Amino acid sequence: MEDKCIKKYEDVEAKIIDDETLILEPESGGFFRLNETGTEVWKNTNGKTKIKDIARKISKDFDVKENIALKDVVNLVKQLKKNKLIKLC
């Protein structure tokens, strides 16, 4: 999975406020809230950046081990995908 990139679905609305992101779930009408590191992942839902590269950047920016950052990013990607907010590419 880490060699895949992520892309948000076109109908997903999101708003970044300070260091957090609020995402409107189109199917339920509910909101999904991301913290500062989750927001970094969301900023890279461009269909170009690989998951492992996102984790590497988070590792450097937030001073965490790369393997831990990768595990956390993969877990978030799985959640976002399950909620049909992003797709793998």
C-alpha atoms as a PDB file:
ATOM      1  CA  MET A   1       0.000   0.000   0.000  1.00  0.00           C
ATOM      2  CA  GLU A   2       2.815   2.429   0.772  1.00  0.00           C
ATOM      3  CA  ASP A   3       3.786   2.628  -2.904  1.00  0.00           C
ATOM      4  CA  LYS A   4       0.296   3.864  -3.821  1.00  0.00           C
ATOM      5  CA  CYS A   5      -0.810   7.468  -4.006  1.00  0.00           C
ATOM      6  CA  ILE A   6      -4.114   8.784  -2.689  1.00  0.00           C
ATOM      7  CA  LYS A   7      -6.731  10.973  -4.326  1.00  0.00           C
ATOM      8  CA  LYS A   8      -9.825  12.510  -2.785  1.00  0.00           C
ATOM      9  CA  TYR A   9     -13.162  11.932  -4.448  1.00  0.00           C
ATOM     10  CA  GLU A  10     -14.453  14.930  -6.381  1.00  0.00           C
ATOM     11  CA  ASP A  11     -17.661  15.253  -4.335  1.00  0.00           C
ATOM     12  CA  VAL A  12     -15.847  15.419  -0.983  1.00  0.00           C
ATOM     13  CA  GLU A  13     -15.828  18.839   0.647  1.00  0.00           C
ATOM     14  CA  ALA A  14     -13.074  19.729   3.116  1.00  0.00           C
ATOM     15  CA  LYS A  15     -12.028  22.833   4.986  1.00  0.00           C
ATOM     16  CA  ILE A  16      -8.651  23.343   6.641  1.00  0.00           C
ATOM     17  CA  ILE A  17      -8.899  25.515   9.742  1.00  0.00           C
ATOM     18  CA  ASP A  18      -5.608  26.265  11.454  1.00  0.00           C
ATOM     19  CA  ASP A  19      -3.951  22.849  11.802  1.00  0.00           C
ATOM     20  CA  GLU A  20      -7.117  20.757  11.537  1.00  0.00           C
ATOM     21  CA  THR A  21      -9.278  19.599   8.659  1.00  0.00           C
ATOM     22  CA  LEU A  22     -13.029  19.077   8.637  1.00  0.00           C
ATOM     23  CA  ILE A  23     -14.263  16.765   5.887  1.00  0.00           C
ATOM     24  CA  LEU A  24     -17.931  16.408   4.980  1.00  0.00           C
ATOM     25  CA  GLU A  25     -18.869  12.782   4.368  1.00  0.00           C
ATOM     26  CA  PRO A  26     -21.178  12.931   1.324  1.00  0.00           C
ATOM     27  CA  GLU A  27     -23.113   9.741   2.070  1.00  0.00           C
ATOM     28  CA  SER A  28     -23.914  10.339   5.742  1.00  0.00           C
ATOM     29  CA  GLY A  29     -23.709  14.127   5.895  1.00  0.00           C
ATOM     30  CA  GLY A  30     -21.464  13.745   8.933  1.00  0.00           C
ATOM     31  CA  PHE A  31     -18.052  15.234   9.491  1.00  0.00           C
ATOM     32  CA  PHE A  32     -14.656  13.609   9.709  1.00  0.00           C
ATOM     33  CA  ARG A  33     -12.074  15.591  11.701  1.00  0.00           C
ATOM     34  CA  LEU A  34      -8.318  15.367  11.155  1.00  0.00           C
ATOM     35  CA  ASN A  35      -5.620  16.586  13.506  1.00  0.00           C
ATOM     36  CA  GLU A  36      -2.414  18.321  12.400  1.00  0.00           C
ATOM     37  CA  THR A  37      -0.706  15.195  11.071  1.00  0.00           C
ATOM     38  CA  GLY A  38      -3.922  13.989   9.441  1.00  0.00           C
ATOM     39  CA  THR A  39      -4.154  17.373   7.749  1.00  0.00           C
ATOM     40  CA  GLU A  40      -0.699  16.810   6.258  1.00  0.00           C
ATOM     41  CA  VAL A  41      -1.993  13.552   4.782  1.00  0.00           C
ATOM     42  CA  TRP A  42      -5.109  15.302   3.439  1.00  0.00           C
ATOM     43  CA  LYS A  43      -3.007  18.017   1.781  1.00  0.00           C
ATOM     44  CA  ASN A  44      -1.409  15.240  -0.279  1.00  0.00           C
ATOM     45  CA  THR A  45      -4.600  13.723  -1.700  1.00  0.00           C
ATOM     46  CA  ASN A  46      -3.444  14.942  -5.093  1.00  0.00           C
ATOM     47  CA  GLY A  47      -3.138  11.577  -6.836  1.00  0.00           C
ATOM     48  CA  LYS A  48       0.625  12.049  -7.194  1.00  0.00           C
ATOM     49  CA  THR A  49       2.324  11.699  -3.806  1.00  0.00           C
ATOM     50  CA  LYS A  50       3.005   8.165  -2.589  1.00  0.00           C
ATOM     51  CA  ILE A  51       1.922   7.160   0.898  1.00  0.00           C
ATOM     52  CA  LYS A  52       5.516   6.355   1.877  1.00  0.00           C
ATOM     53  CA  ASP A  53       6.598   9.864   0.813  1.00  0.00           C
ATOM     54  CA  ILE A  54       3.836  11.428   2.916  1.00  0.00           C
ATOM     55  CA  ALA A  55       5.021   9.366   5.900  1.00  0.00           C
ATOM     56  CA  ARG A  56       8.624  10.396   5.288  1.00  0.00           C
ATOM     57  CA  LYS A  57       7.637  14.082   5.323  1.00  0.00           C
ATOM     58  CA  ILE A  58       5.577  13.643   8.498  1.00  0.00           C
ATOM     59  CA  SER A  59       8.497  11.810  10.101  1.00  0.00           C
ATOM     60  CA  LYS A  60      10.779  14.772   9.442  1.00  0.00           C
ATOM     61  CA  ASP A  61       8.259  17.516  10.230  1.00  0.00           C
ATOM     62  CA  PHE A  62       6.993  15.978  13.481  1.00  0.00           C
ATOM     63  CA  ASP A  63      10.208  14.272  14.627  1.00  0.00           C
ATOM     64  CA  VAL A  64       8.852  10.707  14.756  1.00  0.00           C
ATOM     65  CA  LYS A  65      10.408   7.510  13.494  1.00  0.00           C
ATOM     66  CA  GLU A  66       9.595   6.851   9.861  1.00  0.00           C
ATOM     67  CA  ASN A  67       8.180   3.357  10.517  1.00  0.00           C
ATOM     68  CA  ILE A  68       5.771   4.774  13.109  1.00  0.00           C
ATOM     69  CA  ALA A  69       4.726   7.594  10.784  1.00  0.00           C
ATOM     70  CA  LEU A  70       4.150   5.085   7.978  1.00  0.00           C
ATOM     71  CA  LYS A  71       1.996   2.874  10.200  1.00  0.00           C
ATOM     72  CA  ASP A  72      -0.099   5.868  11.292  1.00  0.00           C
ATOM     73  CA  VAL A  73      -0.484   7.190   7.739  1.00  0.00           C
ATOM     74  CA  VAL A  74      -1.535   3.765   6.443  1.00  0.00           C
ATOM     75  CA  ASN A  75      -4.115   3.462   9.244  1.00  0.00           C
ATOM     76  CA  LEU A  76      -5.548   6.888   8.412  1.00  0.00           C
ATOM     77  CA  VAL A  77      -5.620   6.097   4.691  1.00  0.00           C
ATOM     78  CA  LYS A  78      -7.564   2.909   5.455  1.00  0.00           C
ATOM     79  CA  GLN A  79     -10.107   4.914   7.483  1.00  0.00           C
ATOM     80  CA  LEU A  80     -10.493   7.571   4.814  1.00  0.00           C
ATOM     81  CA  LYS A  81     -10.866   4.918   2.127  1.00  0.00           C
ATOM     82  CA  LYS A  82     -13.424   2.977   4.187  1.00  0.00           C
ATOM     83  CA  ASN A  83     -15.464   6.166   4.505  1.00  0.00           C
ATOM     84  CA  LYS A  84     -15.222   6.718   0.738  1.00  0.00           C
ATOM     85  CA  LEU A  85     -13.369   9.994   1.067  1.00  0.00           C
ATOM     86  CA  ILE A  86     -10.297   8.928  -0.894  1.00  0.00           C
ATOM     87  CA  LYS A  87      -9.213   6.268  -3.359  1.00  0.00           C
ATOM     88  CA  LEU A  88      -5.855   4.653  -4.008  1.00  0.00           C
ATOM     89  CA  CYS A  89      -4.130   5.292  -7.302  1.00  0.00           C
END
